[in-house]
Amino acid sequence: MRRRLEPDVRRKEILRAATRAFATRPFDQVQLDAIARDAGASRGLINHYFGDKRGLFIAVARDIVERIPTVLRTDLDMSVDEMVAVNTDAWLTLIEANRDAAMLFLGASALSGDPEFDRLQDELRDRIVERILRNHLGDTEIPPPARITMRAATGLIERALRDWATGRGGTRAQPHAVLSQSILATVRHVLPAVLAARD
């Protein structure tokens, strides 16, 4: 028997069930009826809130984009090396606990090439880059070359995370070293060179 819930609560339960479904099965094998059963909702309610399966997948992706970047703390009162180490550890812990969901963004998604999903991937990168740069540059205006440089570094980071999440990236200490040292190298060496470069 379905429980009567407030609309916002019901919507969140559907999103949680959909995240589990999309994270553990290929897109074309996910069934909205199964998600409805898992969430204790009706198929009609899923259609009401999200439209079709693509709409539900996009909603799941948008929810991840809203939540994931906050794991990177910007209020840590410690040395730069310690801060990067702590944030890298938190990042890896999040992916370890949500490996399948993380692969929605780290892997080849069924909606790769979909303009809205691609925009959400870019937004996730931008939010992560923003938090990394705030930790190193403070609350001053972040120059566009700094954003471009750190976005480029996320390519290496995403590849290392994907390999680790799929069992090809060695021990946890190894992707930790790749992530932390690439961030430190980027802000200490690459970024100053880019900012100093002139045409």
N, C-alpha and C. Protein backbone atom coordinates (compact mmCIF):
# COMPACT_ATOMS: atom_id res chain seq x y z
N MET A 1 0.85 -1.19 0.00
CA MET A 1 0.00 0.00 0.00
C MET A 1 0.88 1.25 0.00
N ARG A 2 0.55 2.21 -0.85
CA ARG A 2 1.34 3.42 -0.94
C ARG A 2 1.07 4.35 0.23
N ARG A 3 2.16 4.96 0.72
CA ARG A 3 2.01 5.95 1.79
C ARG A 3 1.68 7.30 1.19
N ARG A 4 0.87 8.06 1.90
CA ARG A 4 0.56 9.41 1.45
C ARG A 4 1.70 10.32 1.93
N LEU A 5 2.36 10.97 0.98
CA LEU A 5 3.49 11.83 1.30
C LEU A 5 3.30 13.19 0.65
N GLU A 6 3.96 14.18 1.23
CA GLU A 6 3.96 15.50 0.62
C GLU A 6 4.63 15.40 -0.76
N PRO A 7 4.21 16.22 -1.71
CA PRO A 7 4.77 16.13 -3.07
C PRO A 7 6.29 16.20 -3.12
N ASP A 8 6.92 17.11 -2.35
CA ASP A 8 8.38 17.23 -2.37
C ASP A 8 9.05 15.96 -1.86
N VAL A 9 8.46 15.35 -0.83
CA VAL A 9 9.02 14.12 -0.27
C VAL A 9 8.88 12.98 -1.27
N ARG A 10 7.72 12.87 -1.88
CA ARG A 10 7.49 11.83 -2.87
C ARG A 10 8.44 11.99 -4.05
N ARG A 11 8.62 13.21 -4.50
CA ARG A 11 9.52 13.47 -5.63
C ARG A 11 10.94 13.03 -5.29
N LYS A 12 11.39 13.32 -4.06
CA LYS A 12 12.74 12.92 -3.64
C LYS A 12 12.87 11.41 -3.58
N GLU A 13 11.81 10.72 -3.15
CA GLU A 13 11.86 9.26 -3.09
C GLU A 13 11.95 8.67 -4.49
N ILE A 14 11.24 9.28 -5.43
CA ILE A 14 11.32 8.82 -6.83
C ILE A 14 12.74 9.04 -7.36
N LEU A 15 13.32 10.20 -7.06
CA LEU A 15 14.68 10.49 -7.51
C LEU A 15 15.68 9.50 -6.93
N ARG A 16 15.54 9.16 -5.65
CA ARG A 16 16.45 8.19 -5.03
C ARG A 16 16.33 6.83 -5.71
N ALA A 17 15.09 6.40 -5.95
CA ALA A 17 14.88 5.11 -6.62
C ALA A 17 15.43 5.15 -8.04
N ALA A 18 15.24 6.26 -8.73
CA ALA A 18 15.74 6.39 -10.11
C ALA A 18 17.26 6.40 -10.14
N THR A 19 17.89 7.06 -9.16
CA THR A 19 19.35 7.08 -9.10
C THR A 19 19.90 5.67 -8.95
N ARG A 20 19.26 4.88 -8.07
CA ARG A 20 19.69 3.48 -7.91
C ARG A 20 19.54 2.71 -9.22
N ALA A 21 18.42 2.93 -9.91
CA ALA A 21 18.15 2.19 -11.14
C ALA A 21 19.12 2.57 -12.25
N PHE A 22 19.30 3.87 -12.48
CA PHE A 22 20.18 4.30 -13.57
C PHE A 22 21.65 3.99 -13.27
N ALA A 23 21.99 3.94 -11.98
CA ALA A 23 23.38 3.68 -11.61
C ALA A 23 23.76 2.21 -11.75
N THR A 24 22.77 1.34 -11.72
CA THR A 24 23.09 -0.09 -11.70
C THR A 24 22.70 -0.84 -12.97
N ARG A 25 21.99 -0.16 -13.88
CA ARG A 25 21.58 -0.82 -15.12
C ARG A 25 21.74 0.12 -16.31
N PRO A 26 21.99 -0.43 -17.49
CA PRO A 26 22.04 0.42 -18.68
C PRO A 26 20.70 1.15 -18.87
N PHE A 27 20.77 2.32 -19.46
CA PHE A 27 19.60 3.17 -19.63
C PHE A 27 18.43 2.41 -20.27
N ASP A 28 18.72 1.63 -21.32
CA ASP A 28 17.63 0.97 -22.04
C ASP A 28 17.02 -0.20 -21.26
N GLN A 29 17.67 -0.60 -20.16
CA GLN A 29 17.11 -1.68 -19.34
C GLN A 29 16.35 -1.16 -18.11
N VAL A 30 16.39 0.14 -17.88
CA VAL A 30 15.68 0.73 -16.75
C VAL A 30 14.20 0.83 -17.10
N GLN A 31 13.35 0.35 -16.20
CA GLN A 31 11.90 0.39 -16.41
C GLN A 31 11.26 1.36 -15.41
N LEU A 32 10.44 2.26 -15.93
CA LEU A 32 9.78 3.23 -15.04
C LEU A 32 8.84 2.54 -14.06
N ASP A 33 8.21 1.44 -14.48
CA ASP A 33 7.33 0.72 -13.55
C ASP A 33 8.11 0.19 -12.35
N ALA A 34 9.33 -0.30 -12.59
CA ALA A 34 10.15 -0.80 -11.49
C ALA A 34 10.57 0.32 -10.56
N ILE A 35 10.90 1.49 -11.13
CA ILE A 35 11.24 2.64 -10.29
C ILE A 35 10.04 3.05 -9.45
N ALA A 36 8.86 3.05 -10.05
CA ALA A 36 7.65 3.41 -9.32
C ALA A 36 7.43 2.46 -8.15
N ARG A 37 7.60 1.16 -8.37
CA ARG A 37 7.44 0.19 -7.28
C ARG A 37 8.45 0.44 -6.16
N ASP A 38 9.70 0.67 -6.55
CA ASP A 38 10.76 0.90 -5.57
C ASP A 38 10.49 2.15 -4.74
N ALA A 39 9.91 3.17 -5.38
CA ALA A 39 9.64 4.43 -4.69
C ALA A 39 8.29 4.44 -3.98
N GLY A 40 7.50 3.39 -4.17
CA GLY A 40 6.16 3.37 -3.58
C GLY A 40 5.26 4.40 -4.20
N ALA A 41 5.46 4.63 -5.50
CA ALA A 41 4.68 5.64 -6.22
C ALA A 41 4.01 4.99 -7.43
N SER A 42 3.25 5.76 -8.14
CA SER A 42 2.61 5.25 -9.35
C SER A 42 3.41 5.69 -10.57
N ARG A 43 3.27 4.94 -11.64
CA ARG A 43 3.92 5.32 -12.89
C ARG A 43 3.39 6.68 -13.36
N GLY A 44 2.11 6.91 -13.16
CA GLY A 44 1.52 8.18 -13.56
C GLY A 44 2.14 9.36 -12.83
N LEU A 45 2.51 9.15 -11.56
CA LEU A 45 3.13 10.23 -10.79
C LEU A 45 4.53 10.54 -11.33
N ILE A 46 5.26 9.50 -11.73
CA ILE A 46 6.58 9.72 -12.33
C ILE A 46 6.42 10.54 -13.61
N ASN A 47 5.45 10.17 -14.44
CA ASN A 47 5.21 10.92 -15.67
C ASN A 47 4.80 12.36 -15.37
N HIS A 48 4.03 12.54 -14.30
CA HIS A 48 3.59 13.89 -13.92
C HIS A 48 4.77 14.76 -13.53
N TYR A 49 5.67 14.22 -12.71
CA TYR A 49 6.80 15.00 -12.22
C TYR A 49 7.91 15.16 -13.26
N PHE A 50 8.18 14.10 -14.04
CA PHE A 50 9.40 14.08 -14.85
C PHE A 50 9.17 13.87 -16.35
N GLY A 51 7.95 13.59 -16.75
CA GLY A 51 7.69 13.34 -18.17
C GLY A 51 8.03 11.90 -18.52
N ASP A 52 9.05 11.70 -19.31
CA ASP A 52 9.43 10.36 -19.75
C ASP A 52 10.73 9.90 -19.06
N LYS A 53 11.28 8.79 -19.53
CA LYS A 53 12.48 8.24 -18.90
C LYS A 53 13.67 9.18 -19.05
N ARG A 54 13.80 9.81 -20.22
CA ARG A 54 14.88 10.77 -20.40
C ARG A 54 14.75 11.91 -19.40
N GLY A 55 13.53 12.41 -19.22
CA GLY A 55 13.32 13.50 -18.27
C GLY A 55 13.70 13.10 -16.87
N LEU A 56 13.42 11.85 -16.49
CA LEU A 56 13.77 11.37 -15.16
C LEU A 56 15.29 11.25 -15.04
N PHE A 57 15.96 10.74 -16.08
CA PHE A 57 17.42 10.64 -16.06
C PHE A 57 18.05 12.02 -15.91
N ILE A 58 17.55 13.00 -16.65
CA ILE A 58 18.08 14.36 -16.56
C ILE A 58 17.87 14.92 -15.15
N ALA A 59 16.73 14.61 -14.53
CA ALA A 59 16.47 15.07 -13.17
C ALA A 59 17.46 14.44 -12.19
N VAL A 60 17.76 13.16 -12.38
CA VAL A 60 18.76 12.48 -11.55
C VAL A 60 20.12 13.16 -11.72
N ALA A 61 20.50 13.42 -12.97
CA ALA A 61 21.79 14.06 -13.25
C ALA A 61 21.84 15.45 -12.62
N ARG A 62 20.75 16.21 -12.70
CA ARG A 62 20.71 17.56 -12.13
C ARG A 62 20.85 17.50 -10.60
N ASP A 63 20.22 16.51 -9.98
CA ASP A 63 20.31 16.33 -8.53
C ASP A 63 21.76 16.04 -8.12
N ILE A 64 22.45 15.20 -8.90
CA ILE A 64 23.85 14.90 -8.62
C ILE A 64 24.71 16.15 -8.75
N VAL A 65 24.46 16.94 -9.78
CA VAL A 65 25.21 18.18 -9.99
C VAL A 65 25.03 19.14 -8.82
N GLU A 66 23.84 19.17 -8.24
CA GLU A 66 23.58 20.05 -7.10
C GLU A 66 24.30 19.57 -5.84
N ARG A 67 24.40 18.25 -5.66
CA ARG A 67 24.91 17.71 -4.40
C ARG A 67 26.41 17.45 -4.37
N ILE A 68 26.98 16.91 -5.43
CA ILE A 68 28.36 16.41 -5.39
C ILE A 68 29.40 17.48 -5.09
N PRO A 69 29.37 18.65 -5.73
CA PRO A 69 30.46 19.60 -5.50
C PRO A 69 30.64 20.01 -4.03
N THR A 70 29.58 19.95 -3.23
CA THR A 70 29.69 20.40 -1.84
C THR A 70 30.58 19.51 -1.00
N VAL A 71 30.96 18.33 -1.51
CA VAL A 71 31.88 17.48 -0.76
C VAL A 71 33.26 18.14 -0.68
N LEU A 72 33.55 19.04 -1.64
CA LEU A 72 34.81 19.78 -1.60
C LEU A 72 34.63 21.01 -0.73
N ARG A 73 35.17 20.94 0.48
CA ARG A 73 34.97 22.00 1.47
C ARG A 73 35.77 23.25 1.09
N THR A 74 35.18 24.41 1.33
CA THR A 74 35.87 25.67 1.08
C THR A 74 36.08 26.45 2.38
N ASP A 75 35.82 25.79 3.52
CA ASP A 75 35.92 26.48 4.81
C ASP A 75 36.93 25.81 5.74
N LEU A 76 37.89 25.09 5.17
CA LEU A 76 38.85 24.37 6.00
C LEU A 76 40.00 25.29 6.40
N ASP A 77 40.26 25.38 7.70
CA ASP A 77 41.31 26.24 8.23
C ASP A 77 42.57 25.40 8.44
N MET A 78 43.29 25.16 7.35
CA MET A 78 44.50 24.34 7.41
C MET A 78 45.42 24.71 6.26
N SER A 79 46.59 24.14 6.24
CA SER A 79 47.53 24.43 5.16
C SER A 79 46.96 23.96 3.83
N VAL A 80 47.51 24.51 2.74
CA VAL A 80 47.03 24.14 1.41
C VAL A 80 47.18 22.65 1.17
N ASP A 81 48.34 22.10 1.52
CA ASP A 81 48.57 20.67 1.30
C ASP A 81 47.57 19.82 2.08
N GLU A 82 47.33 20.19 3.34
CA GLU A 82 46.37 19.45 4.16
C GLU A 82 44.96 19.57 3.60
N MET A 83 44.58 20.78 3.19
CA MET A 83 43.25 21.02 2.65
C MET A 83 43.01 20.19 1.39
N VAL A 84 43.99 20.16 0.49
CA VAL A 84 43.85 19.38 -0.74
C VAL A 84 43.76 17.89 -0.40
N ALA A 85 44.57 17.44 0.56
CA ALA A 85 44.54 16.02 0.95
C ALA A 85 43.19 15.64 1.54
N VAL A 86 42.65 16.48 2.41
CA VAL A 86 41.35 16.20 3.05
C VAL A 86 40.24 16.20 2.01
N ASN A 87 40.24 17.19 1.12
CA ASN A 87 39.19 17.26 0.10
C ASN A 87 39.29 16.10 -0.89
N THR A 88 40.51 15.71 -1.24
CA THR A 88 40.69 14.57 -2.13
C THR A 88 40.18 13.30 -1.48
N ASP A 89 40.47 13.14 -0.19
CA ASP A 89 40.00 11.96 0.54
C ASP A 89 38.47 11.93 0.58
N ALA A 90 37.84 13.10 0.81
CA ALA A 90 36.38 13.18 0.84
C ALA A 90 35.79 12.84 -0.53
N TRP A 91 36.44 13.30 -1.58
CA TRP A 91 36.00 13.03 -2.95
C TRP A 91 36.03 11.54 -3.25
N LEU A 92 37.14 10.88 -2.89
CA LEU A 92 37.27 9.45 -3.13
C LEU A 92 36.28 8.65 -2.28
N THR A 93 36.05 9.09 -1.05
CA THR A 93 35.08 8.41 -0.18
C THR A 93 33.68 8.48 -0.78
N LEU A 94 33.31 9.65 -1.31
CA LEU A 94 32.01 9.81 -1.94
C LEU A 94 31.86 8.86 -3.13
N ILE A 95 32.87 8.78 -3.96
CA ILE A 95 32.79 7.91 -5.14
C ILE A 95 32.78 6.45 -4.72
N GLU A 96 33.56 6.11 -3.70
CA GLU A 96 33.59 4.73 -3.21
C GLU A 96 32.22 4.30 -2.71
N ALA A 97 31.52 5.21 -2.03
CA ALA A 97 30.19 4.89 -1.48
C ALA A 97 29.10 4.96 -2.53
N ASN A 98 29.35 5.65 -3.64
CA ASN A 98 28.34 5.83 -4.69
C ASN A 98 28.95 5.55 -6.06
N ARG A 99 29.70 4.46 -6.15
CA ARG A 99 30.47 4.16 -7.35
C ARG A 99 29.61 4.13 -8.62
N ASP A 100 28.48 3.43 -8.54
CA ASP A 100 27.63 3.30 -9.74
C ASP A 100 27.03 4.64 -10.15
N ALA A 101 26.58 5.41 -9.17
CA ALA A 101 26.01 6.73 -9.48
C ALA A 101 27.07 7.65 -10.06
N ALA A 102 28.29 7.57 -9.54
CA ALA A 102 29.37 8.41 -10.06
C ALA A 102 29.66 8.10 -11.51
N MET A 103 29.48 6.82 -11.89
CA MET A 103 29.76 6.43 -13.26
C MET A 103 28.79 7.05 -14.27
N LEU A 104 27.65 7.57 -13.78
CA LEU A 104 26.76 8.28 -14.69
C LEU A 104 27.48 9.45 -15.34
N PHE A 105 28.42 10.06 -14.59
CA PHE A 105 29.18 11.19 -15.11
C PHE A 105 30.59 10.80 -15.55
N LEU A 106 31.17 9.80 -14.92
CA LEU A 106 32.54 9.41 -15.26
C LEU A 106 32.60 8.46 -16.44
N GLY A 107 31.50 7.74 -16.67
CA GLY A 107 31.48 6.76 -17.76
C GLY A 107 30.86 7.34 -19.01
N ALA A 108 30.65 6.46 -19.96
CA ALA A 108 29.99 6.86 -21.20
C ALA A 108 28.49 6.73 -20.98
N SER A 109 27.84 7.82 -20.66
CA SER A 109 26.41 7.79 -20.38
C SER A 109 25.61 7.52 -21.65
N ALA A 110 24.45 6.90 -21.46
CA ALA A 110 23.56 6.65 -22.60
C ALA A 110 23.11 7.96 -23.24
N LEU A 111 23.16 9.04 -22.47
CA LEU A 111 22.72 10.33 -23.01
C LEU A 111 23.88 11.24 -23.39
N SER A 112 25.10 10.68 -23.48
CA SER A 112 26.22 11.48 -23.98
C SER A 112 25.84 12.01 -25.37
N GLY A 113 26.05 13.28 -25.57
CA GLY A 113 25.64 13.91 -26.82
C GLY A 113 24.30 14.60 -26.72
N ASP A 114 23.51 14.26 -25.68
CA ASP A 114 22.26 14.97 -25.44
C ASP A 114 22.63 16.36 -24.93
N PRO A 115 22.17 17.42 -25.58
CA PRO A 115 22.60 18.78 -25.21
C PRO A 115 22.38 19.11 -23.73
N GLU A 116 21.26 18.68 -23.18
CA GLU A 116 20.98 19.01 -21.78
C GLU A 116 21.90 18.24 -20.83
N PHE A 117 22.14 16.96 -21.12
CA PHE A 117 23.04 16.20 -20.27
C PHE A 117 24.47 16.72 -20.39
N ASP A 118 24.90 17.03 -21.60
CA ASP A 118 26.24 17.59 -21.79
C ASP A 118 26.39 18.91 -21.03
N ARG A 119 25.33 19.72 -21.02
CA ARG A 119 25.38 20.98 -20.27
C ARG A 119 25.52 20.71 -18.78
N LEU A 120 24.83 19.67 -18.27
CA LEU A 120 24.95 19.33 -16.86
C LEU A 120 26.35 18.82 -16.52
N GLN A 121 26.96 18.06 -17.43
CA GLN A 121 28.35 17.63 -17.20
C GLN A 121 29.27 18.84 -17.10
N ASP A 122 29.07 19.79 -17.99
CA ASP A 122 29.88 21.02 -17.94
C ASP A 122 29.64 21.79 -16.65
N GLU A 123 28.38 21.85 -16.24
CA GLU A 123 28.05 22.56 -15.00
C GLU A 123 28.72 21.90 -13.80
N LEU A 124 28.74 20.56 -13.77
CA LEU A 124 29.40 19.86 -12.68
C LEU A 124 30.89 20.19 -12.66
N ARG A 125 31.54 20.16 -13.81
CA ARG A 125 32.96 20.52 -13.87
C ARG A 125 33.17 21.95 -13.38
N ASP A 126 32.32 22.87 -13.84
CA ASP A 126 32.47 24.27 -13.46
C ASP A 126 32.29 24.48 -11.96
N ARG A 127 31.35 23.77 -11.35
CA ARG A 127 31.14 23.92 -9.90
C ARG A 127 32.33 23.38 -9.12
N ILE A 128 32.88 22.26 -9.58
CA ILE A 128 34.06 21.69 -8.91
C ILE A 128 35.25 22.62 -9.08
N VAL A 129 35.46 23.11 -10.29
CA VAL A 129 36.56 24.04 -10.56
C VAL A 129 36.42 25.29 -9.70
N GLU A 130 35.22 25.81 -9.59
CA GLU A 130 34.97 27.01 -8.78
C GLU A 130 35.41 26.78 -7.34
N ARG A 131 35.06 25.64 -6.76
CA ARG A 131 35.40 25.37 -5.37
C ARG A 131 36.90 25.17 -5.19
N ILE A 132 37.53 24.49 -6.14
CA ILE A 132 38.98 24.31 -6.06
C ILE A 132 39.68 25.66 -6.11
N LEU A 133 39.28 26.50 -7.05
CA LEU A 133 39.95 27.80 -7.22
C LEU A 133 39.66 28.73 -6.04
N ARG A 134 38.46 28.67 -5.48
CA ARG A 134 38.17 29.49 -4.29
C ARG A 134 39.10 29.12 -3.14
N ASN A 135 39.42 27.85 -3.02
CA ASN A 135 40.33 27.41 -1.97
C ASN A 135 41.74 27.96 -2.16
N HIS A 136 42.13 28.20 -3.42
CA HIS A 136 43.50 28.62 -3.69
C HIS A 136 43.64 30.10 -3.98
N LEU A 137 42.59 30.71 -4.51
CA LEU A 137 42.66 32.12 -4.88
C LEU A 137 41.83 33.02 -3.97
N GLY A 138 41.05 32.42 -3.08
CA GLY A 138 40.21 33.21 -2.19
C GLY A 138 38.94 33.68 -2.89
N ASP A 139 38.30 34.68 -2.30
CA ASP A 139 37.03 35.16 -2.82
C ASP A 139 37.18 36.27 -3.84
N THR A 140 38.42 36.48 -4.31
CA THR A 140 38.61 37.50 -5.33
C THR A 140 38.01 37.02 -6.65
N GLU A 141 37.89 37.92 -7.59
CA GLU A 141 37.37 37.55 -8.91
C GLU A 141 38.34 36.55 -9.56
N ILE A 142 37.80 35.43 -9.98
CA ILE A 142 38.64 34.39 -10.58
C ILE A 142 38.81 34.71 -12.07
N PRO A 143 40.06 34.91 -12.53
CA PRO A 143 40.25 35.26 -13.94
C PRO A 143 39.89 34.09 -14.86
N PRO A 144 39.33 34.40 -16.02
CA PRO A 144 38.95 33.33 -16.97
C PRO A 144 40.08 32.34 -17.27
N PRO A 145 41.35 32.79 -17.45
CA PRO A 145 42.40 31.80 -17.72
C PRO A 145 42.56 30.78 -16.59
N ALA A 146 42.26 31.18 -15.36
CA ALA A 146 42.36 30.24 -14.23
C ALA A 146 41.30 29.16 -14.37
N ARG A 147 40.10 29.55 -14.76
CA ARG A 147 39.02 28.57 -14.96
C ARG A 147 39.36 27.60 -16.09
N ILE A 148 39.87 28.15 -17.19
CA ILE A 148 40.21 27.31 -18.34
C ILE A 148 41.31 26.31 -17.95
N THR A 149 42.30 26.79 -17.20
CA THR A 149 43.41 25.93 -16.80
C THR A 149 42.94 24.80 -15.89
N MET A 150 42.12 25.14 -14.89
CA MET A 150 41.66 24.10 -13.96
C MET A 150 40.67 23.16 -14.63
N ARG A 151 39.86 23.66 -15.56
CA ARG A 151 38.97 22.77 -16.31
C ARG A 151 39.79 21.75 -17.10
N ALA A 152 40.90 22.19 -17.67
CA ALA A 152 41.77 21.27 -18.41
C ALA A 152 42.30 20.19 -17.46
N ALA A 153 42.64 20.59 -16.24
CA ALA A 153 43.17 19.62 -15.27
C ALA A 153 42.11 18.59 -14.88
N THR A 154 40.83 18.98 -14.96
CA THR A 154 39.78 18.02 -14.58
C THR A 154 39.73 16.84 -15.55
N GLY A 155 40.27 17.00 -16.76
CA GLY A 155 40.32 15.86 -17.69
C GLY A 155 41.16 14.74 -17.12
N LEU A 156 42.32 15.08 -16.58
CA LEU A 156 43.18 14.09 -15.94
C LEU A 156 42.50 13.51 -14.70
N ILE A 157 41.87 14.38 -13.92
CA ILE A 157 41.20 13.94 -12.69
C ILE A 157 40.07 12.96 -13.01
N GLU A 158 39.24 13.31 -14.00
CA GLU A 158 38.11 12.44 -14.36
C GLU A 158 38.60 11.08 -14.87
N ARG A 159 39.68 11.08 -15.65
CA ARG A 159 40.21 9.81 -16.16
C ARG A 159 40.72 8.94 -15.01
N ALA A 160 41.43 9.56 -14.06
CA ALA A 160 41.95 8.81 -12.92
C ALA A 160 40.80 8.25 -12.07
N LEU A 161 39.76 9.05 -11.86
CA LEU A 161 38.62 8.59 -11.08
C LEU A 161 37.87 7.47 -11.80
N ARG A 162 37.72 7.61 -13.10
CA ARG A 162 37.02 6.58 -13.86
C ARG A 162 37.78 5.25 -13.80
N ASP A 163 39.09 5.31 -14.00
CA ASP A 163 39.89 4.08 -13.95
C ASP A 163 39.80 3.43 -12.57
N TRP A 164 39.87 4.25 -11.53
CA TRP A 164 39.79 3.70 -10.17
C TRP A 164 38.42 3.11 -9.89
N ALA A 165 37.37 3.83 -10.31
CA ALA A 165 36.00 3.37 -10.05
C ALA A 165 35.68 2.08 -10.78
N THR A 166 36.38 1.82 -11.88
CA THR A 166 36.13 0.60 -12.65
C THR A 166 37.18 -0.48 -12.38
N GLY A 167 38.01 -0.26 -11.36
CA GLY A 167 38.97 -1.28 -10.96
C GLY A 167 40.27 -1.29 -11.73
N ARG A 168 40.52 -0.25 -12.54
CA ARG A 168 41.76 -0.21 -13.31
C ARG A 168 42.74 0.83 -12.78
N GLY A 169 42.41 1.43 -11.65
CA GLY A 169 43.23 2.55 -11.17
C GLY A 169 44.09 2.25 -9.96
N GLY A 170 44.33 0.99 -9.66
CA GLY A 170 45.22 0.65 -8.55
C GLY A 170 44.58 0.86 -7.19
N THR A 171 45.43 1.02 -6.20
CA THR A 171 44.96 1.21 -4.83
C THR A 171 44.37 2.61 -4.67
N ARG A 172 43.65 2.83 -3.59
CA ARG A 172 43.06 4.15 -3.33
C ARG A 172 44.14 5.22 -3.21
N ALA A 173 45.30 4.85 -2.68
CA ALA A 173 46.38 5.83 -2.50
C ALA A 173 46.87 6.38 -3.83
N GLN A 174 46.78 5.58 -4.88
CA GLN A 174 47.29 6.03 -6.18
C GLN A 174 46.42 7.11 -6.82
N PRO A 175 45.10 6.92 -6.95
CA PRO A 175 44.29 8.04 -7.46
C PRO A 175 44.32 9.24 -6.51
N HIS A 176 44.48 8.99 -5.21
CA HIS A 176 44.61 10.10 -4.26
C HIS A 176 45.82 10.95 -4.63
N ALA A 177 46.94 10.28 -4.94
CA ALA A 177 48.15 11.02 -5.32
C ALA A 177 47.95 11.75 -6.64
N VAL A 178 47.30 11.10 -7.62
CA VAL A 178 47.06 11.74 -8.92
C VAL A 178 46.23 13.00 -8.73
N LEU A 179 45.12 12.89 -7.99
CA LEU A 179 44.23 14.03 -7.81
C LEU A 179 44.89 15.16 -7.04
N SER A 180 45.42 14.84 -5.86
CA SER A 180 45.97 15.89 -5.01
C SER A 180 47.18 16.56 -5.65
N GLN A 181 48.08 15.77 -6.23
CA GLN A 181 49.28 16.36 -6.80
C GLN A 181 49.00 17.11 -8.10
N SER A 182 48.02 16.66 -8.87
CA SER A 182 47.69 17.40 -10.10
C SER A 182 47.05 18.74 -9.77
N ILE A 183 46.23 18.78 -8.72
CA ILE A 183 45.64 20.06 -8.30
C ILE A 183 46.73 21.00 -7.81
N LEU A 184 47.62 20.49 -6.94
CA LEU A 184 48.69 21.33 -6.42
C LEU A 184 49.62 21.81 -7.53
N ALA A 185 49.98 20.92 -8.45
CA ALA A 185 50.86 21.31 -9.55
C ALA A 185 50.19 22.35 -10.44
N THR A 186 48.89 22.19 -10.67
CA THR A 186 48.17 23.13 -11.52
C THR A 186 48.16 24.52 -10.92
N VAL A 187 47.81 24.62 -9.62
CA VAL A 187 47.70 25.96 -9.02
C VAL A 187 49.06 26.58 -8.71
N ARG A 188 50.07 25.74 -8.48
CA ARG A 188 51.39 26.29 -8.11
C ARG A 188 52.28 26.56 -9.32
N HIS A 189 52.14 25.78 -10.38
CA HIS A 189 53.08 25.89 -11.49
C HIS A 189 52.40 26.22 -12.82
N VAL A 190 51.36 25.45 -13.17
CA VAL A 190 50.73 25.66 -14.47
C VAL A 190 49.97 26.99 -14.52
N LEU A 191 49.14 27.24 -13.49
CA LEU A 191 48.32 28.45 -13.50
C LEU A 191 49.16 29.73 -13.53
N PRO A 192 50.21 29.87 -12.71
CA PRO A 192 51.02 31.09 -12.82
C PRO A 192 51.63 31.28 -14.23
N ALA A 193 52.04 30.16 -14.85
CA ALA A 193 52.60 30.27 -16.20
C ALA A 193 51.53 30.71 -17.20
N VAL A 194 50.33 30.20 -17.06
CA VAL A 194 49.24 30.60 -17.97
C VAL A 194 48.89 32.05 -17.77
N LEU A 195 48.80 32.49 -16.52
CA LEU A 195 48.44 33.89 -16.25
C LEU A 195 49.53 34.85 -16.72
N ALA A 196 50.78 34.38 -16.73
CA ALA A 196 51.88 35.24 -17.15
C ALA A 196 52.07 35.25 -18.67
N ALA A 197 51.45 34.27 -19.33
CA ALA A 197 51.64 34.15 -20.78
C ALA A 197 50.99 35.31 -21.52
N ARG A 198 51.63 35.76 -22.56
CA ARG A 198 51.08 36.83 -23.41
C ARG A 198 51.18 36.38 -24.86
N ASP A 199 50.25 36.88 -25.66
CA ASP A 199 50.29 36.56 -27.10
C ASP A 199 51.51 37.21 -27.73
